[in-house]
Amino acid sequence: MIAPIPTFTDFYLAIHGRAPFPWQARLARRVAETNEWPEEVGVPTGLGKTACLDIAVWWLAAQADQKPQQRAAPTRIWWVVNRRLLVDSTHDHAERLAQMLADPDAAGFSGRAREVVATVAERLRSLSADPAAPPLDVIRLRGGVASRTPADPSQPTVILCTLPMYGSRLLFRGYGSSRSRRPIDAAMAGTDSLVLLDEAHLAPHLRGLMGALADCTPGAEALLGEFRSRASITALTATGDASADRFDLDEEDLANSTVQQRRSAAKPLEVRAFYAGDTAKLLAEAAADLLLGASQPASCLVFANTPRMARATFESLRRQAKDTETLLLTGLNREREAEQIRACILDPATGMAAARSRDSARERDLIVVATQTLEVGADLDADYLVTEACGLRALTQRLGRLNRLGQHPHARAVYVHTPPPKRRGRASRGQESESWPVYGEEPKRVLERLQEACPDGHSVVHLPPARVAEVLGAPEDAPGRAPEVLPGILREWTKTTTRPDGEAPVEPYFSGIQGAEYSVSLIWRAHVPEEGRLLWPRASDREAVDVPIAEVWDALEDDEAIHRLAPDGITVELTRPADLRPGDQVVLAADRGLLDRFGWNPAASERVVDASLLQQGLPLDETAIRRLCGVGVRPQLEIVLGEDEEDELDQSERDEAVEAILAALRAAEPPPGWRDEEWTAFTRALRPAVERPRREVARLRVEASEPQCSGSDFGSENDELSLTPEAVDLDRHGWAVGVMARSIGEHIGLPSTLVEVVERAGALHDIGKADRRFQRWLDPEGQRDAPMAKSTMAHHRWETTRAASGWPRGGRHEDLSARLVHAWLGRHPSWGDSEHRDLLLHLVVSHHGNGRPLVAPVDDGTAAKVSAVVDGMPVEAPADLARVDWGQPRRFRKLNERYGPWGLALLEAIVRLADWRVSAGADVSRGMAR
């Protein structure tokens, strides 16, 4: 029996140590009573919008005792922002909340607070199919390289990401997702999800897109009932548009003393209008003027509209204010460097965090130059602020970072207006441009309103939050156009197995035609593999920078050979800059430059730190080691890798060569960008044991590093998934996956008939591995009596053993599994209706991401049969993998029409994620049924 849910006020008080604002408690009550969120939450900045995350988690826990089919609270909570946040207080809060729920005792709770947190945790844990799972999972998707996918559709999860990361996943083209993962990511984004769109005025097209997608599939079956079969979206914005379903502050909120203090915070804004001049220089001068007039060292936040303007302003300030700590944040930073900058900004003594103690005295001024990156999601409280001319909504958000808590009576701001830059190319005859980057014509109207509000003879207007709307009026920015989503376009996007030629790019559909920022993800490596080989270490979101593709084109030579990752996310292929596509992942050599400690910089030529090595190891490659630290170890590498001409070396000589390499690295100076302690720890942690995986660079690992699976991690479309630490029988594995799939289906509330289908698909998904060739591949010595699903074979033997077994390169065992299931269905005509039979076949054939809509044939031609036993009945089918199942595209289209693209993807995800969980060691011995 689950304990009753505490009130939201009790929950908030327990985790924050203070009572919620009136609006927070009122919104929680409304959501719980109506079973839905308002379309828009119009709470001003600085009044705790992050609490919407707490409300969503509490509401999910509140409904944990309801039958899954009746539950309205979504299992996944997406926190979506328009730009990559570097100061991500929302993510930090979500992580703290997850840790509190996972272990209230370790978090220091006692008494009533512990009881409240433990009860919410227990209720959340009951929702998951895996009783060992934590109450709440938290995932952050940064840049264009995905970190991970939710491991279980029934697991309560908070996912924080940018608009492109969410929108691309929703449309089956997830940035950073491998080809095989895209349907899973689409299911996680498009079903059973609450999307909290922070500062939604920055992303108006996503809200329209959600409705348009529903119109494309009007007859789709609601798999999870009325509320959770699709994603729902709520806009969180202080500068939104009035709507019929907008949640605002009420009289009780306005009477709250803390709310009053923040809404009346002093924010005098000086308007400086220039008819000519260097905008970057003028912004820098305004910041210097403000700090010159300060009575003591202070903080100043400078907003520029583009990364180029921010960089120019930053460089100007560094020349002018050499005794000031000056930082740059543009969103074009790797997480490695961003962490260091974030630590400076949030430093409790010298930063500008809202939580900074007012008693802390600074030793010197702090200036942070930023783009729109810090407009939202950044809990900052600067003494002074300078902003480039911008739109009304942007100005409102930027002022929200000045005297945020109303505790800086000396606070001041400067608004720098300059003419828009001249147009490139041919402009209208006799006319100057009236359009500014990012904001179009709006800065002209903002300037007029500010000047009208200034008293006669003065250039300063007072803009506390309570007065902004009165002075500036309603926003007049046009959202721009977005292309119309048509059913035919959506059908093409669902074809994830093979990308259709000439398909529509997805970004304009959620960002608008003008607002779409086509970007590629860049990583820098000491070792850049040759074409066709695998990247090691695997690409990580922590090392990636998303850069507009036009800037990448400008920075690279036209004929420069570019290494990018193939659709599988691990294989390197060669291309030219002109052939790069939005969402591509590009691997640059560490000595190529283009990045400095403040992020993307086309003028930078210094060596870039390979951020992937510290936690993984050293590639044993001459060029890579020279790029890393300038040390030459070619003779030793020839010995270690057996590349000397005679190759008559014994193991002791190879061991000595490894030790010589390690000694040379440990004696070397730390490379540029590496801290002394980092380099020392890295070189000392390298193990003197050489690893030589197939198609990957040989390497030395660091102690305690977790091996990255050769080929990919769980969820790969590669059959290298069949290698595990322990051998696994085929029947046992199928049974376990079926049990897990059933449990997931029951926990999320699938109809009982579909629960039976996903269980059956899980049980039969791998029976094609019974093929004699595949079994010789897994067990070349024939040591096992029963057919195997997983082998303990060493990775380096994989290809040799495959060739000896006769299994064709690229062959898909799931194709044979589907044939055997088809044969079994032929002998059981009463099993399910026609669509459930089609669904069973599809779920089996798609369990590695294929069959959407086809499984590609391979060279084979065998006349042999594959046979298996299903429910005690022997079945067999042709084993020739050169044959194509031309009925699969028809099944795929019919199932999309029946369940909708995201419903079908969810059914696939249940089977596939059940397989991954079992392969990762999940215990299903207790059946785990709800």
Foldseek 3Di string as FASTA:
>chain_A
DADAADQLQLQCCLLPVDGAFPLLSVQLVVCLVPVDHFQEEQEAPLRDPLCVVVSLLSSQLNCLPPFLLPHQRFLEEEEEEAAFALQFVSLVSLVSLQVCLQDVVVVPDDDSSNVNSPSSFVSQCSLFLFNVDGSEAEAEQFDQAGFDAPLFSRHRYYYYYYLLQLLCLCLLRHQNAFLQCSLVSNLSNWFSYEYEYEQCVQWVLQQVLQVLQCVLQVQADQQRHDRTSTYHYHYYHNFDDDDPRYHYDDPSSCPDPQSVLQLQFWEKEFEDEDADDDLLLVQLVVVVVLQVPDPAAFEEEEEDAALVSLVSNQVNNCVVCVVEAEAEAESQAFLVLSVVVSCQQPVLQRHFAPPRDPPRGHPHHYYYYYYCSCLPSGRGEGQEYEYEQAALRSVSSRSCRYCVRSPRNNRYYYYYYYAADADPDDDPPPDGACQHPPHTNRSVLQSVLQVVQAPPPGRIHICRNNCSCVRSPHTDGDLAAADRDHSVLSLQSLLSQDRDPPRDDRQCSRLNPVRRQQWEKEAEALDDDDAFFWDPPQDHSNRIGTDRLVVVLVLDDQPDWWWWDDSLRTGTHTDGSVPDGRSIYTYHYQQCFQADSNRGDSPGRHGHARVRDLQWFFFLDQSSVCSQFNDGLVVLSCLLVQNDPVSPDDPVSNLVSLVVVLVRQCPTDHGPPDDPVSSNQRSVQWDSDWDDFPSDTITTTGPPHDDAQVQGAQLALDLSLQADQDWAFLQVLLQQLLLQLLQSCSSNRGPPLLSVLLSVLSNQLQLLCQPQLNQCLQPVPPPDPGRTSHHNDDRRCNVVSSVVSQPFPPFDSLVQSLQQLVQVCVVVVPPDDPLSSLLSSQLSSCLSPPPSPWRAADDHPDQDWRWDADPNRITIDGPHRNDIDPCRNVSNVVSCSHNNSSRSSVSSSSSNSSSSCVSVPRDCVVSSHD
